[in-house]
């Protein structure tokens, strides 16, 4: 049995449950306990996907593992949308149209194969198609080097953390 090969494709509605699951696993991966995540996380994530798909041109991209028997399994994913802001958006889209990537996750047995970079790059390419002037994401410590390798740079965002 040979090792699987991978394809990256735009997510389909049938993939959204796995994308929601991957988003949950991403939060666990970056250090949150299951107790710190709301019980209805799946419904909340799927509801958010519906809203941003309709209003903010959301797309998902998935990494698919294909085995010797041509069985396909989603092993990674990312979500991209137009940024809806934390403040009033008063700039024209020509001056600033932001894409935002979230929920990047790859199953542990499939890491170190460039899949996180590939789904992220697919998101960046999608943002370019939409006419975005910039793409943003929040990087975990584990993901920072992945994003830097494909061209992301540290920004000006600062945070103040309460103990």
Protein backbone atom coordinates (compact mmCIF):
# COMPACT_ATOMS: atom_id res chain seq x y z
CA UNK A 1 0.00 0.00 0.00
CA UNK A 2 1.48 3.32 -1.05
CA UNK A 3 1.05 6.59 0.78
CA UNK A 4 -1.95 8.72 -0.13
CA UNK A 5 -1.82 11.56 -2.58
CA UNK A 6 -3.61 14.83 -1.98
CA UNK A 7 -5.78 17.23 -3.89
CA UNK A 8 -6.94 20.70 -2.90
CA UNK A 9 -10.37 21.80 -4.02
CA UNK A 10 -13.05 24.27 -3.17
CA UNK A 11 -15.30 22.90 -0.49
CA UNK A 12 -18.81 21.75 -1.31
CA UNK A 13 -21.89 22.03 0.93
CA UNK A 14 -21.39 18.35 1.81
CA UNK A 15 -17.97 19.24 3.29
CA UNK A 16 -19.28 21.84 5.73
CA UNK A 17 -19.81 19.41 8.62
CA UNK A 18 -16.16 18.30 8.36
CA UNK A 19 -15.06 21.94 8.08
CA UNK A 20 -17.00 22.70 11.29
CA UNK A 21 -15.37 19.70 13.00
CA UNK A 22 -11.94 20.88 11.84
CA UNK A 23 -12.62 24.34 13.25
CA UNK A 24 -13.43 22.76 16.62
CA UNK A 25 -10.23 20.67 16.48
CA UNK A 26 -8.24 23.80 15.59
CA UNK A 27 -9.37 25.46 18.84
CA UNK A 28 -8.33 22.36 20.79
CA UNK A 29 -4.99 22.32 18.97
CA UNK A 30 -4.16 25.87 19.99
CA UNK A 31 -4.73 25.08 23.64
CA UNK A 32 -8.38 25.51 24.54
CA UNK A 33 -9.97 22.75 26.61
CA UNK A 34 -13.21 21.09 25.49
CA UNK A 35 -14.86 22.67 28.56
CA UNK A 36 -14.02 26.15 27.28
CA UNK A 37 -15.91 25.55 24.02
CA UNK A 38 -19.69 25.91 23.93
CA UNK A 39 -21.68 22.68 23.71
CA UNK A 40 -23.45 23.75 20.52
CA UNK A 41 -20.21 24.64 18.70
CA UNK A 42 -21.18 22.63 15.61
CA UNK A 43 -24.51 24.42 15.15
CA UNK A 44 -22.93 27.82 15.81
CA UNK A 45 -20.17 27.14 13.27
CA UNK A 46 -22.58 25.86 10.62
CA UNK A 47 -24.88 28.84 11.22
CA UNK A 48 -21.93 31.22 10.81
CA UNK A 49 -20.93 29.50 7.58
CA UNK A 50 -24.46 30.04 6.20
CA UNK A 51 -24.43 33.75 7.10
CA UNK A 52 -20.98 34.50 5.70
CA UNK A 53 -21.61 32.43 2.56
CA UNK A 54 -24.62 34.56 1.75
CA UNK A 55 -23.39 37.98 2.86
CA UNK A 56 -19.59 37.86 2.73
CA UNK A 57 -18.77 35.56 -0.20
CA UNK A 58 -17.46 32.82 2.09
CA UNK A 59 -15.77 29.82 0.55
CA UNK A 60 -14.11 26.79 2.04
CA UNK A 61 -11.14 24.93 0.65
CA UNK A 62 -10.37 21.36 1.57
CA UNK A 63 -7.38 19.05 1.41
CA UNK A 64 -8.41 15.59 0.27
CA UNK A 65 -6.42 12.42 0.88
CA UNK A 66 -6.87 9.90 -1.93
CA UNK A 67 -5.82 6.31 -1.20
CA UNK A 68 -4.96 3.43 -3.54
CA UNK A 69 -8.64 2.53 -3.93
CA UNK A 70 -9.52 6.13 -4.87
CA UNK A 71 -11.29 6.68 -1.54
CA UNK A 72 -11.34 10.38 -0.72
CA UNK A 73 -11.20 11.77 2.82
CA UNK A 74 -11.14 15.43 3.87
CA UNK A 75 -8.01 15.79 6.02
CA UNK A 76 -7.70 19.57 6.14
CA UNK A 77 -9.64 22.73 5.52
CA UNK A 78 -9.74 26.51 5.66
CA UNK A 79 -12.48 29.12 5.51
CA UNK A 80 -12.24 32.48 3.75
CA UNK A 81 -14.63 35.40 3.61
CA UNK A 82 -14.72 39.12 3.13
CA UNK A 83 -13.88 40.93 6.35
CA UNK A 84 -16.99 42.36 7.95
CA UNK A 85 -15.04 44.47 10.39
CA UNK A 86 -15.18 45.33 14.03
CA UNK A 87 -15.91 48.94 13.15
CA UNK A 88 -17.77 50.83 10.44
CA UNK A 89 -16.24 50.18 7.04
CA UNK A 90 -15.97 53.62 5.43
CA UNK A 91 -13.26 53.01 2.85
CA UNK A 92 -14.19 52.19 -0.72
CA UNK A 93 -13.47 48.62 -1.88
CA UNK A 94 -10.82 50.08 -4.21
CA UNK A 95 -9.02 51.58 -1.21
CA UNK A 96 -9.44 48.57 1.05
CA UNK A 97 -11.29 45.32 0.54
CA UNK A 98 -10.14 42.79 3.08
CA UNK A 99 -10.29 39.03 2.91
CA UNK A 100 -10.16 37.06 6.14
CA UNK A 101 -9.03 33.45 6.54
CA UNK A 102 -10.01 31.38 9.55
CA UNK A 103 -10.32 27.79 10.70
CA UNK A 104 -7.17 26.48 9.03
CA UNK A 105 -6.65 22.90 10.18
CA UNK A 106 -4.94 19.69 9.01
CA UNK A 107 -5.36 16.32 10.73
CA UNK A 108 -2.13 15.40 12.60
CA UNK A 109 -1.25 12.30 10.50
CA UNK A 110 -1.30 14.47 7.36
CA UNK A 111 0.77 17.40 8.63
CA UNK A 112 4.23 18.31 7.35
CA UNK A 113 3.09 17.79 3.75
CA UNK A 114 2.34 21.41 2.91
CA UNK A 115 -1.42 21.01 3.11
CA UNK A 116 -2.03 23.97 5.44
CA UNK A 117 -0.03 26.17 3.08
CA UNK A 118 -1.97 24.87 0.08
CA UNK A 119 -5.45 25.44 1.51
CA UNK A 120 -4.33 28.87 2.75
CA UNK A 121 -2.92 29.73 -0.68
CA UNK A 122 -6.22 28.65 -2.26
CA UNK A 123 -7.95 31.12 0.08
CA UNK A 124 -5.52 33.88 -0.89
CA UNK A 125 -6.11 33.16 -4.58
CA UNK A 126 -9.87 33.35 -4.02
CA UNK A 127 -9.46 36.73 -2.31
CA UNK A 128 -7.48 37.97 -5.30
CA UNK A 129 -10.35 36.87 -7.58
CA UNK A 130 -12.75 38.89 -5.41
CA UNK A 131 -10.58 41.99 -5.81
CA UNK A 132 -9.31 42.10 -2.24
CA UNK A 133 -6.51 44.53 -1.52
CA UNK A 134 -5.28 42.54 1.49
CA UNK A 135 -5.85 39.23 3.27
CA UNK A 136 -5.66 38.78 7.03
CA UNK A 137 -5.64 35.92 9.49
CA UNK A 138 -4.71 35.26 13.07
CA UNK A 139 -1.79 32.86 13.30
CA UNK A 140 -1.25 30.32 16.04
CA UNK A 141 2.33 29.72 17.09
CA UNK A 142 2.20 26.44 15.14
CA UNK A 143 0.88 28.11 11.98
CA UNK A 144 2.97 31.29 11.92
CA UNK A 145 5.86 29.86 9.89
CA UNK A 146 3.43 28.31 7.38
CA UNK A 147 1.85 31.69 6.71
CA UNK A 148 5.15 33.57 6.61
CA UNK A 149 6.47 31.14 3.97
CA UNK A 150 3.61 32.01 1.65
CA UNK A 151 4.01 35.75 2.12
CA UNK A 152 2.06 36.85 5.19
CA UNK A 153 3.77 39.48 7.33
CA UNK A 154 3.27 40.56 10.92
CA UNK A 155 0.82 43.43 11.13
CA UNK A 156 0.10 46.26 13.48
CA UNK A 157 -2.57 44.58 15.55
CA UNK A 158 -1.79 44.62 19.25
CA UNK A 159 -3.54 42.95 22.16
CA UNK A 160 -3.83 43.44 25.89
CA UNK A 161 -4.46 40.23 27.77
CA UNK A 162 -6.05 40.18 31.22
CA UNK A 163 -4.69 37.62 33.67
